């Protein structure tokens, strides 16, 4: 089901005008922090999450509501002591019409936050794992947004689904957000970053907007992946690059996207697979454990 509504609805509410945003130095904390940052974060985040799931199932769920819910998640992170930084927001308007967004994937924070600063510029849907459609509340949201679901058991079939359904969404004027990694991880590994996003952009004849993110403020859990530790000392970063047009077989564009992501992650203090400093850090952690 397509949740898109008139562009005017999206333009009436943009919580992050301009090209950048940084959490103010003095941000009020929450009463719930007294019971622990992790408890405070999950309690309030789940409330927003459940409410959004109910809205997606029972209401029109227009972009303004999606943006508002996402902005609430910003406030939760900041009131837990987290710092959020956004860069390159004006690049979202440099390509007319729909695009393919391609970036790395770290945690659940991506889908919780991206509506607040992307949806005022572009209507979009995600490419997600098919199993997520069966998650309570979350599945309602993903269905309402018209997200593209893939099984990940058959890469060839997944490629066909993304190409066909992605092209159809783009034809309707909607952008597509793709995380080409096989799973969420704090360590970026270019060998696990496939070319499906570039191939979709080429097939649909639309630009790519690369993005890099750091969201290990919310870490993956050891026993339950979606309920990991919260580390307020790890800043949240999102940055968008200039639009890229695909020429030829797309290898050059794929390399540009990877280099954009790696350069930003490096500047933010994140680890890159194969990097010497990352290998040293991994050895220290193995020794420590």
Protein backbone atom coordinates (compact mmCIF):
# COMPACT_ATOMS: atom_id res chain seq x y z
CA UNK A 1 0.00 0.00 0.00
CA UNK A 2 1.37 3.39 -0.98
CA UNK A 3 1.36 5.92 1.87
CA UNK A 4 2.44 8.89 -0.23
CA UNK A 5 0.36 12.03 0.07
CA UNK A 6 0.55 15.47 -1.55
CA UNK A 7 3.97 17.09 -1.54
CA UNK A 8 2.43 20.03 0.33
CA UNK A 9 1.96 17.83 3.41
CA UNK A 10 5.67 17.04 3.45
CA UNK A 11 6.71 20.67 3.00
CA UNK A 12 4.62 22.01 5.87
CA UNK A 13 6.78 20.33 8.50
CA UNK A 14 10.56 20.15 8.32
CA UNK A 15 12.18 19.88 11.77
CA UNK A 16 15.68 20.19 10.28
CA UNK A 17 15.83 23.03 7.74
CA UNK A 18 19.25 23.86 6.38
CA UNK A 19 22.19 21.64 5.55
CA UNK A 20 23.22 20.47 9.03
CA UNK A 21 22.13 19.87 12.60
CA UNK A 22 23.94 19.28 15.89
CA UNK A 23 22.37 18.41 19.22
CA UNK A 24 22.55 21.48 21.49
CA UNK A 25 25.14 21.26 24.25
CA UNK A 26 22.50 21.80 26.93
CA UNK A 27 19.74 19.25 26.44
CA UNK A 28 17.27 18.40 29.18
CA UNK A 29 17.37 14.82 30.43
CA UNK A 30 14.41 12.59 31.17
CA UNK A 31 12.97 11.58 34.52
CA UNK A 32 13.17 7.97 33.35
CA UNK A 33 16.95 8.22 33.20
CA UNK A 34 16.90 7.72 36.96
CA UNK A 35 16.09 4.07 36.27
CA UNK A 36 19.01 3.69 33.85
CA UNK A 37 19.69 5.01 30.36
CA UNK A 38 18.93 1.68 28.70
CA UNK A 39 15.57 1.36 30.47
CA UNK A 40 14.72 4.98 29.71
CA UNK A 41 15.55 4.62 26.02
CA UNK A 42 13.68 1.37 25.37
CA UNK A 43 10.60 2.29 27.41
CA UNK A 44 9.98 5.52 25.54
CA UNK A 45 11.16 4.26 22.16
CA UNK A 46 8.81 1.29 22.33
CA UNK A 47 5.90 3.59 23.12
CA UNK A 48 6.60 5.66 19.99
CA UNK A 49 7.15 2.48 18.00
CA UNK A 50 3.89 0.86 19.15
CA UNK A 51 1.93 4.06 18.59
CA UNK A 52 3.32 4.40 15.06
CA UNK A 53 2.43 0.77 14.36
CA UNK A 54 -1.15 1.40 15.48
CA UNK A 55 -1.36 4.56 13.37
CA UNK A 56 -0.02 2.74 10.32
CA UNK A 57 -2.70 0.07 10.65
CA UNK A 58 -5.68 2.25 11.51
CA UNK A 59 -5.05 5.70 9.95
CA UNK A 60 -3.92 7.29 6.70
CA UNK A 61 -0.44 7.68 8.27
CA UNK A 62 0.58 10.77 6.25
CA UNK A 63 4.21 11.96 6.00
CA UNK A 64 3.65 14.64 8.64
CA UNK A 65 2.82 11.93 11.22
CA UNK A 66 5.79 9.81 10.20
CA UNK A 67 8.08 12.83 10.56
CA UNK A 68 6.61 13.71 13.95
CA UNK A 69 7.11 10.17 15.29
CA UNK A 70 10.67 10.11 14.01
CA UNK A 71 11.39 13.47 15.62
CA UNK A 72 10.21 12.02 18.94
CA UNK A 73 12.93 9.38 18.59
CA UNK A 74 15.46 12.19 18.17
CA UNK A 75 14.28 13.71 21.43
CA UNK A 76 14.52 10.37 23.23
CA UNK A 77 18.15 9.88 22.18
CA UNK A 78 19.10 13.43 23.10
CA UNK A 79 17.36 13.28 26.48
CA UNK A 80 19.37 10.10 27.18
CA UNK A 81 22.56 12.09 26.70
CA UNK A 82 23.18 11.14 23.06
CA UNK A 83 24.48 13.61 20.49
CA UNK A 84 23.11 13.63 16.93
CA UNK A 85 24.84 15.22 13.93
CA UNK A 86 23.36 15.61 10.45
CA UNK A 87 25.27 16.76 7.37
CA UNK A 88 24.51 17.23 3.66
CA UNK A 89 20.75 17.61 4.01
CA UNK A 90 20.57 20.07 1.12
CA UNK A 91 21.99 17.38 -1.17
CA UNK A 92 18.59 15.68 -0.89
CA UNK A 93 17.13 18.46 -3.05
CA UNK A 94 19.86 18.50 -5.69
CA UNK A 95 18.24 15.67 -7.64
CA UNK A 96 14.75 16.30 -8.97
CA UNK A 97 12.36 13.43 -8.54
CA UNK A 98 13.07 10.04 -6.97
CA UNK A 99 16.52 8.62 -6.31
CA UNK A 100 18.12 5.48 -4.91
CA UNK A 101 19.67 6.08 -1.48
CA UNK A 102 22.59 3.74 -0.77
CA UNK A 103 24.44 3.52 2.54
CA UNK A 104 25.77 1.37 5.35
CA UNK A 105 23.66 -0.25 8.06
CA UNK A 106 24.48 -0.37 11.80
CA UNK A 107 21.36 -0.58 13.97
CA UNK A 108 17.61 -0.15 14.26
CA UNK A 109 18.10 3.59 14.72
CA UNK A 110 18.24 4.08 10.96
CA UNK A 111 14.58 3.35 10.33
CA UNK A 112 13.62 5.17 13.55
CA UNK A 113 15.34 8.45 12.64
CA UNK A 114 15.54 8.81 8.86
CA UNK A 115 11.93 9.92 8.38
CA UNK A 116 12.51 13.13 10.35
CA UNK A 117 15.16 14.56 8.04
CA UNK A 118 14.62 12.70 4.74
CA UNK A 119 10.86 12.67 4.32
CA UNK A 120 10.50 16.49 4.13
CA UNK A 121 12.61 16.22 0.95
CA UNK A 122 11.72 12.85 -0.59
CA UNK A 123 8.95 10.28 -0.26
CA UNK A 124 10.65 6.91 0.11
CA UNK A 125 10.46 3.26 1.07
CA UNK A 126 13.04 0.80 2.39
CA UNK A 127 14.27 -2.53 1.06
CA UNK A 128 13.90 -4.83 4.08
CA UNK A 129 14.06 -8.48 5.12
CA UNK A 130 10.75 -10.24 4.51
CA UNK A 131 10.72 -11.51 8.10
CA UNK A 132 10.40 -7.93 9.39
CA UNK A 133 6.89 -7.74 7.97
CA UNK A 134 5.85 -10.19 10.69
CA UNK A 135 7.24 -8.13 13.59
CA UNK A 136 4.39 -6.63 15.64
CA UNK A 137 3.83 -2.91 14.94
CA UNK A 138 6.96 -2.66 12.78
CA UNK A 139 5.36 -4.81 10.10
CA UNK A 140 2.35 -2.47 9.98
CA UNK A 141 4.65 0.49 9.36
CA UNK A 142 6.68 -1.23 6.66
CA UNK A 143 3.55 -2.39 4.84
CA UNK A 144 2.00 1.06 4.94
CA UNK A 145 5.19 2.57 3.53
CA UNK A 146 5.11 0.08 0.65
CA UNK A 147 8.52 -1.33 1.56
CA UNK A 148 10.18 -3.91 -0.68
CA UNK A 149 10.63 -7.22 1.12
CA UNK A 150 13.29 -9.80 0.19
CA UNK A 151 13.82 -13.26 1.64
CA UNK A 152 17.65 -13.33 1.49
CA UNK A 153 17.60 -17.08 0.86
CA UNK A 154 17.88 -16.72 -2.91
CA UNK A 155 20.06 -13.77 -4.05
CA UNK A 156 18.91 -14.09 -7.67
CA UNK A 157 15.25 -13.94 -6.66
CA UNK A 158 15.94 -11.01 -4.30
CA UNK A 159 17.65 -9.13 -7.13
CA UNK A 160 14.62 -9.69 -9.38
CA UNK A 161 12.22 -8.45 -6.66
CA UNK A 162 14.26 -5.31 -5.93
CA UNK A 163 14.63 -4.51 -9.62
CA UNK A 164 10.95 -4.97 -10.43
CA UNK A 165 9.33 -3.52 -7.32
CA UNK A 166 11.97 -0.80 -6.92
CA UNK A 167 11.46 0.38 -10.48
CA UNK A 168 7.72 0.44 -9.93
CA UNK A 169 8.07 2.54 -6.75
CA UNK A 170 10.38 4.94 -8.59
CA UNK A 171 7.89 5.16 -11.46
CA UNK A 172 5.32 6.29 -8.89
CA UNK A 173 7.68 9.05 -7.74
CA UNK A 174 9.03 7.34 -4.62
CA UNK A 175 12.70 6.98 -3.74
CA UNK A 176 14.15 3.69 -2.52
CA UNK A 177 16.53 3.29 0.44
CA UNK A 178 18.89 0.32 0.19
CA UNK A 179 21.36 -1.04 2.74
CA UNK A 180 23.48 -3.36 0.55
CA UNK A 181 25.16 -5.09 3.52
CA UNK A 182 23.94 -8.56 4.44
CA UNK A 183 23.43 -7.61 8.10
CA UNK A 184 23.76 -4.77 10.61
CA UNK A 185 27.30 -4.24 11.79
CA UNK A 186 29.44 -1.53 13.40
CA UNK A 187 32.45 -2.57 11.29
CA UNK A 188 32.15 -1.64 7.62
CA UNK A 189 33.33 -4.33 5.20
CA UNK A 190 33.30 -3.38 1.52
CA UNK A 191 33.41 -7.05 0.49
CA UNK A 192 29.89 -7.45 1.95
CA UNK A 193 28.56 -4.31 0.25
CA UNK A 194 26.78 -5.57 -2.87
CA UNK A 195 25.89 -3.66 -6.06
CA UNK A 196 22.12 -4.12 -6.05
CA UNK A 197 21.47 -0.42 -5.35
CA UNK A 198 23.63 0.75 -8.24
CA UNK A 199 21.95 -1.75 -10.56
CA UNK A 200 18.50 -0.52 -9.54
CA UNK A 201 19.49 3.12 -10.16
CA UNK A 202 20.87 2.22 -13.58
CA UNK A 203 17.81 0.15 -14.50
CA UNK A 204 15.38 2.86 -13.37
CA UNK A 205 17.55 5.65 -14.80
CA UNK A 206 17.63 7.74 -11.62
CA UNK A 207 20.52 9.24 -9.59
CA UNK A 208 22.07 7.73 -6.49
CA UNK A 209 22.47 9.70 -3.27
CA UNK A 210 25.10 7.98 -1.10
CA UNK A 211 24.87 8.25 2.66
CA UNK A 212 27.03 7.24 5.58
CA UNK A 213 25.85 6.74 9.13
CA UNK A 214 27.05 5.91 12.59
CA UNK A 215 24.34 4.61 14.91
CA UNK A 216 26.20 2.37 17.36
CA UNK A 217 24.71 4.52 20.13
CA UNK A 218 22.32 1.55 20.00
CA UNK A 219 24.44 -1.58 19.84
CA UNK A 220 23.30 -4.98 18.63
CA UNK A 221 22.44 -7.28 21.52
CA UNK A 222 24.42 -10.40 22.37
CA UNK A 223 21.37 -12.58 23.01
CA UNK A 224 18.55 -10.51 21.48
CA UNK A 225 19.93 -8.50 18.58
CA UNK A 226 17.23 -5.81 18.73
CA UNK A 227 17.68 -5.15 22.48
CA UNK A 228 21.35 -4.29 22.76
CA UNK A 229 23.18 -1.89 25.09
CA UNK A 230 22.81 1.88 24.78
CA UNK A 231 26.03 3.93 24.82
CA UNK A 232 25.39 7.65 25.16
CA UNK A 233 29.08 8.37 24.58
CA UNK A 234 28.86 7.22 20.97
CA UNK A 235 27.57 10.06 18.79
CA UNK A 236 25.01 9.48 16.05
CA UNK A 237 26.02 10.65 12.58
CA UNK A 238 24.26 10.85 9.22
CA UNK A 239 25.77 12.45 6.13
CA UNK A 240 24.51 12.58 2.54
CA UNK A 241 26.70 13.03 -0.53
CA UNK A 242 26.10 14.72 -3.86
CA UNK A 243 23.83 12.89 -6.35
CA UNK A 244 25.67 10.43 -8.59
CA UNK A 245 24.57 9.40 -12.10
CA UNK A 246 25.34 5.85 -13.18
CA UNK A 247 27.38 5.44 -16.36
CA UNK A 248 28.53 2.22 -17.96
CA UNK A 249 28.45 -0.87 -15.75
CA UNK A 250 28.30 1.07 -12.48
CA UNK A 251 31.65 -0.12 -11.07
CA UNK A 252 33.01 3.40 -10.80
CA UNK A 253 29.89 4.61 -9.02
CA UNK A 254 29.99 1.67 -6.60
CA UNK A 255 33.57 2.57 -5.74
CA UNK A 256 32.61 6.22 -5.15
CA UNK A 257 29.86 5.18 -2.74
CA UNK A 258 32.20 2.90 -0.80
CA UNK A 259 34.90 5.56 -0.61
CA UNK A 260 32.34 8.12 0.61
CA UNK A 261 31.16 5.79 3.38
CA UNK A 262 34.65 4.73 4.47
CA UNK A 263 35.94 8.31 4.57
CA UNK A 264 33.08 9.44 6.81
CA UNK A 265 33.25 6.42 9.10
CA UNK A 266 36.99 6.91 9.50
CA UNK A 267 36.53 10.57 10.42
CA UNK A 268 33.89 9.54 12.99
CA UNK A 269 36.21 7.02 14.64
CA UNK A 270 34.51 3.88 13.29
CA UNK A 271 36.26 0.69 12.26
CA UNK A 272 36.78 -0.42 8.66
CA UNK A 273 37.39 -4.11 7.92
CA UNK A 274 40.93 -4.64 6.71
CA UNK A 275 42.19 -1.37 8.16
CA UNK A 276 45.36 -1.82 10.24
CA UNK A 277 44.07 0.12 13.25
CA UNK A 278 40.85 -1.91 13.24
CA UNK A 279 42.78 -5.16 13.21
CA UNK A 280 44.86 -4.03 16.18
CA UNK A 281 41.70 -3.07 18.08
CA UNK A 282 40.10 -6.43 17.27
CA UNK A 283 43.20 -8.25 18.57
CA UNK A 284 43.04 -6.25 21.82
CA UNK A 285 39.38 -7.17 22.29
CA UNK A 286 40.09 -10.85 21.66
CA UNK A 287 42.95 -10.74 24.20
CA UNK A 288 40.76 -8.90 26.71
CA UNK A 289 38.01 -11.50 26.41
